[in-house]
């Protein structure tokens, strides 16, 4: 039996967790009683682990995408699963951070900083300069 690979971020309330899987388009905010509270859409077309993080006040969810963008969601205005339209990502801010998959995002615990990381293996027959392995720090 193969268990799915996923990432968890525990919220400070101790009652909810955020979970995301590889090659899955969503990050779920879930009550520990296994009731899904919120679903946030993202774009993941790779088997890489795509990280996500919550800011210190747990009001913003940040996640990377396979297309080099970062999505920021306002959790205070989160839509419940019952009220969420399939096409509505409820994304507050989307910006291009890298030229390749954004596989790492992390908020600084005290300052208004977000760190993003990008990089993956590309298998090309000829040499190419299109790969980007980078780390960036963003101020908010």
C-alpha atoms as a PDB file:
ATOM      1  CA  UNK A   1       0.000   0.000   0.000  1.00  0.00           C
ATOM      2  CA  UNK A   2       1.388   3.398  -1.001  1.00  0.00           C
ATOM      3  CA  UNK A   3       0.526   6.262   1.320  1.00  0.00           C
ATOM      4  CA  UNK A   4       0.079   9.700  -0.247  1.00  0.00           C
ATOM      5  CA  UNK A   5       2.795  12.237   0.430  1.00  0.00           C
ATOM      6  CA  UNK A   6       1.502  15.417   1.954  1.00  0.00           C
ATOM      7  CA  UNK A   7       2.526  18.392   4.065  1.00  0.00           C
ATOM      8  CA  UNK A   8       0.831  19.572   7.234  1.00  0.00           C
ATOM      9  CA  UNK A   9       0.940  22.927   8.980  1.00  0.00           C
ATOM     10  CA  UNK A  10      -0.599  23.027  12.443  1.00  0.00           C
ATOM     11  CA  UNK A  11      -2.457  26.179  13.314  1.00  0.00           C
ATOM     12  CA  UNK A  12      -2.042  27.851  16.692  1.00  0.00           C
ATOM     13  CA  UNK A  13      -5.579  27.012  17.756  1.00  0.00           C
ATOM     14  CA  UNK A  14      -4.649  23.336  17.893  1.00  0.00           C
ATOM     15  CA  UNK A  15      -8.008  22.476  16.332  1.00  0.00           C
ATOM     16  CA  UNK A  16      -7.175  22.816  12.656  1.00  0.00           C
ATOM     17  CA  UNK A  17      -4.457  21.782  10.222  1.00  0.00           C
ATOM     18  CA  UNK A  18      -3.629  22.808   6.665  1.00  0.00           C
ATOM     19  CA  UNK A  19      -2.850  19.916   4.309  1.00  0.00           C
ATOM     20  CA  UNK A  20      -1.573  19.753   0.730  1.00  0.00           C
ATOM     21  CA  UNK A  21      -0.643  16.804  -1.481  1.00  0.00           C
ATOM     22  CA  UNK A  22       1.674  16.341  -4.454  1.00  0.00           C
ATOM     23  CA  UNK A  23       0.005  16.615  -7.864  1.00  0.00           C
ATOM     24  CA  UNK A  24      -3.178  17.941  -6.291  1.00  0.00           C
ATOM     25  CA  UNK A  25      -4.731  21.319  -6.954  1.00  0.00           C
ATOM     26  CA  UNK A  26      -5.847  22.178  -3.438  1.00  0.00           C
ATOM     27  CA  UNK A  27      -4.696  23.079   0.047  1.00  0.00           C
ATOM     28  CA  UNK A  28      -7.298  22.134   2.661  1.00  0.00           C
ATOM     29  CA  UNK A  29      -7.905  23.797   6.003  1.00  0.00           C
ATOM     30  CA  UNK A  30      -9.351  20.987   8.048  1.00  0.00           C
ATOM     31  CA  UNK A  31     -10.785  20.583  11.507  1.00  0.00           C
ATOM     32  CA  UNK A  32      -9.051  17.753  13.377  1.00  0.00           C
ATOM     33  CA  UNK A  33     -12.416  16.028  13.537  1.00  0.00           C
ATOM     34  CA  UNK A  34     -11.784  15.390   9.797  1.00  0.00           C
ATOM     35  CA  UNK A  35     -14.318  17.967   8.608  1.00  0.00           C
ATOM     36  CA  UNK A  36     -12.938  20.058   5.742  1.00  0.00           C
ATOM     37  CA  UNK A  37     -13.487  23.712   6.601  1.00  0.00           C
ATOM     38  CA  UNK A  38     -11.994  25.484   3.566  1.00  0.00           C
ATOM     39  CA  UNK A  39     -10.486  24.564   0.210  1.00  0.00           C
ATOM     40  CA  UNK A  40      -8.038  26.844  -1.605  1.00  0.00           C
ATOM     41  CA  UNK A  41      -7.144  26.213  -5.253  1.00  0.00           C
ATOM     42  CA  UNK A  42      -3.580  26.124  -6.548  1.00  0.00           C
ATOM     43  CA  UNK A  43      -1.873  24.724  -9.662  1.00  0.00           C
ATOM     44  CA  UNK A  44       0.438  21.776  -9.120  1.00  0.00           C
ATOM     45  CA  UNK A  45       1.382  19.670 -12.150  1.00  0.00           C
ATOM     46  CA  UNK A  46       4.539  18.149 -10.728  1.00  0.00           C
ATOM     47  CA  UNK A  47       5.467  15.381  -8.304  1.00  0.00           C
ATOM     48  CA  UNK A  48       7.585  17.836  -6.344  1.00  0.00           C
ATOM     49  CA  UNK A  49       6.540  18.713  -2.836  1.00  0.00           C
ATOM     50  CA  UNK A  50       5.071  22.209  -3.078  1.00  0.00           C
ATOM     51  CA  UNK A  51       5.227  23.850   0.331  1.00  0.00           C
ATOM     52  CA  UNK A  52       2.765  26.262   1.849  1.00  0.00           C
ATOM     53  CA  UNK A  53       2.879  28.316   5.012  1.00  0.00           C
ATOM     54  CA  UNK A  54       0.702  30.406   7.305  1.00  0.00           C
ATOM     55  CA  UNK A  55       1.802  33.783   8.597  1.00  0.00           C
ATOM     56  CA  UNK A  56       2.237  34.237  12.344  1.00  0.00           C
ATOM     57  CA  UNK A  57      -1.288  35.576  12.895  1.00  0.00           C
ATOM     58  CA  UNK A  58      -2.638  32.706  10.752  1.00  0.00           C
ATOM     59  CA  UNK A  59      -4.595  35.060   8.523  1.00  0.00           C
ATOM     60  CA  UNK A  60      -2.646  34.502   5.286  1.00  0.00           C
ATOM     61  CA  UNK A  61      -1.926  31.222   3.490  1.00  0.00           C
ATOM     62  CA  UNK A  62       0.946  31.297   0.976  1.00  0.00           C
ATOM     63  CA  UNK A  63       1.603  28.546  -1.562  1.00  0.00           C
ATOM     64  CA  UNK A  64       3.675  28.093  -4.698  1.00  0.00           C
ATOM     65  CA  UNK A  65       2.576  26.954  -8.147  1.00  0.00           C
ATOM     66  CA  UNK A  66       4.198  24.966 -10.941  1.00  0.00           C
ATOM     67  CA  UNK A  67       4.150  28.048 -13.205  1.00  0.00           C
ATOM     68  CA  UNK A  68       6.452  30.176 -11.015  1.00  0.00           C
ATOM     69  CA  UNK A  69       3.734  32.154  -9.266  1.00  0.00           C
ATOM     70  CA  UNK A  70       2.953  32.521  -5.576  1.00  0.00           C
ATOM     71  CA  UNK A  71      -0.616  32.676  -4.290  1.00  0.00           C
ATOM     72  CA  UNK A  72      -1.639  34.460  -1.090  1.00  0.00           C
ATOM     73  CA  UNK A  73      -5.058  33.735   0.408  1.00  0.00           C
ATOM     74  CA  UNK A  74      -6.795  35.792   3.097  1.00  0.00           C
ATOM     75  CA  UNK A  75      -8.020  33.191   5.599  1.00  0.00           C
ATOM     76  CA  UNK A  76     -10.252  35.693   7.378  1.00  0.00           C
ATOM     77  CA  UNK A  77     -12.414  35.849   4.256  1.00  0.00           C
ATOM     78  CA  UNK A  78     -12.184  32.143   3.453  1.00  0.00           C
ATOM     79  CA  UNK A  79     -15.105  30.545   1.717  1.00  0.00           C
ATOM     80  CA  UNK A  80     -16.551  27.424   3.199  1.00  0.00           C
ATOM     81  CA  UNK A  81     -16.586  24.397   0.929  1.00  0.00           C
ATOM     82  CA  UNK A  82     -20.346  24.556   0.589  1.00  0.00           C
ATOM     83  CA  UNK A  83     -20.241  28.143  -0.711  1.00  0.00           C
ATOM     84  CA  UNK A  84     -17.162  27.831  -2.916  1.00  0.00           C
ATOM     85  CA  UNK A  85     -17.485  27.933  -6.692  1.00  0.00           C
ATOM     86  CA  UNK A  86     -15.170  25.494  -8.507  1.00  0.00           C
ATOM     87  CA  UNK A  87     -13.684  28.336 -10.588  1.00  0.00           C
ATOM     88  CA  UNK A  88     -13.292  30.751  -7.667  1.00  0.00           C
ATOM     89  CA  UNK A  89      -9.818  30.541  -6.157  1.00  0.00           C
ATOM     90  CA  UNK A  90     -10.511  33.377  -3.679  1.00  0.00           C
ATOM     91  CA  UNK A  91      -6.864  34.366  -4.142  1.00  0.00           C
ATOM     92  CA  UNK A  92      -6.036  37.776  -2.677  1.00  0.00           C
ATOM     93  CA  UNK A  93      -2.683  38.173  -4.411  1.00  0.00           C
ATOM     94  CA  UNK A  94      -0.952  36.256  -7.198  1.00  0.00           C
ATOM     95  CA  UNK A  95       2.510  37.311  -8.358  1.00  0.00           C
ATOM     96  CA  UNK A  96       5.278  35.883 -10.515  1.00  0.00           C
ATOM     97  CA  UNK A  97       8.145  35.006  -8.214  1.00  0.00           C
ATOM     98  CA  UNK A  98      10.315  32.709 -10.344  1.00  0.00           C
ATOM     99  CA  UNK A  99      10.582  31.344 -13.873  1.00  0.00           C
ATOM    100  CA  UNK A 100      10.095  27.775 -12.695  1.00  0.00           C
ATOM    101  CA  UNK A 101       8.120  25.845 -10.086  1.00  0.00           C
ATOM    102  CA  UNK A 102       7.893  27.595  -6.715  1.00  0.00           C
ATOM    103  CA  UNK A 103       8.403  24.659  -4.367  1.00  0.00           C
ATOM    104  CA  UNK A 104       9.168  26.540  -1.165  1.00  0.00           C
ATOM    105  CA  UNK A 105       7.384  29.370   0.656  1.00  0.00           C
ATOM    106  CA  UNK A 106       7.956  30.486   4.220  1.00  0.00           C
ATOM    107  CA  UNK A 107       6.897  33.495   6.259  1.00  0.00           C
ATOM    108  CA  UNK A 108       9.388  35.065   8.669  1.00  0.00           C
ATOM    109  CA  UNK A 109       7.932  34.611  12.171  1.00  0.00           C
ATOM    110  CA  UNK A 110       8.324  38.276  13.209  1.00  0.00           C
ATOM    111  CA  UNK A 111       9.050  40.492  10.210  1.00  0.00           C
ATOM    112  CA  UNK A 112       6.877  41.082   7.149  1.00  0.00           C
ATOM    113  CA  UNK A 113       9.014  38.854   4.937  1.00  0.00           C
ATOM    114  CA  UNK A 114       8.173  35.919   2.681  1.00  0.00           C
ATOM    115  CA  UNK A 115      10.883  33.624   1.339  1.00  0.00           C
ATOM    116  CA  UNK A 116      10.294  31.705  -1.891  1.00  0.00           C
ATOM    117  CA  UNK A 117      12.423  28.977  -3.446  1.00  0.00           C
ATOM    118  CA  UNK A 118      12.453  27.533  -6.932  1.00  0.00           C
ATOM    119  CA  UNK A 119      14.245  24.722  -8.637  1.00  0.00           C
ATOM    120  CA  UNK A 120      13.780  21.310 -10.146  1.00  0.00           C
ATOM    121  CA  UNK A 121      15.553  18.898 -12.419  1.00  0.00           C
ATOM    122  CA  UNK A 122      14.956  19.229 -16.143  1.00  0.00           C
ATOM    123  CA  UNK A 123      16.068  16.421 -18.387  1.00  0.00           C
ATOM    124  CA  UNK A 124      17.157  17.831 -21.761  1.00  0.00           C
ATOM    125  CA  UNK A 125      19.282  16.213 -24.409  1.00  0.00           C
ATOM    126  CA  UNK A 126      21.049  19.483 -25.212  1.00  0.00           C
ATOM    127  CA  UNK A 127      22.401  21.914 -22.638  1.00  0.00           C
ATOM    128  CA  UNK A 128      19.991  24.669 -21.740  1.00  0.00           C
ATOM    129  CA  UNK A 129      20.153  27.793 -19.613  1.00  0.00           C
ATOM    130  CA  UNK A 130      16.425  27.734 -18.862  1.00  0.00           C
ATOM    131  CA  UNK A 131      16.761  26.183 -15.420  1.00  0.00           C
ATOM    132  CA  UNK A 132      16.372  28.417 -12.432  1.00  0.00           C
ATOM    133  CA  UNK A 133      17.349  27.393  -8.931  1.00  0.00           C
ATOM    134  CA  UNK A 134      16.888  30.382  -6.717  1.00  0.00           C
ATOM    135  CA  UNK A 135      15.858  31.764  -3.356  1.00  0.00           C
ATOM    136  CA  UNK A 136      14.132  35.150  -3.036  1.00  0.00           C
ATOM    137  CA  UNK A 137      13.018  37.236  -0.071  1.00  0.00           C
ATOM    138  CA  UNK A 138       9.945  39.449  -0.464  1.00  0.00           C
ATOM    139  CA  UNK A 139       8.950  42.321   1.825  1.00  0.00           C
ATOM    140  CA  UNK A 140       5.271  42.983   2.594  1.00  0.00           C
END
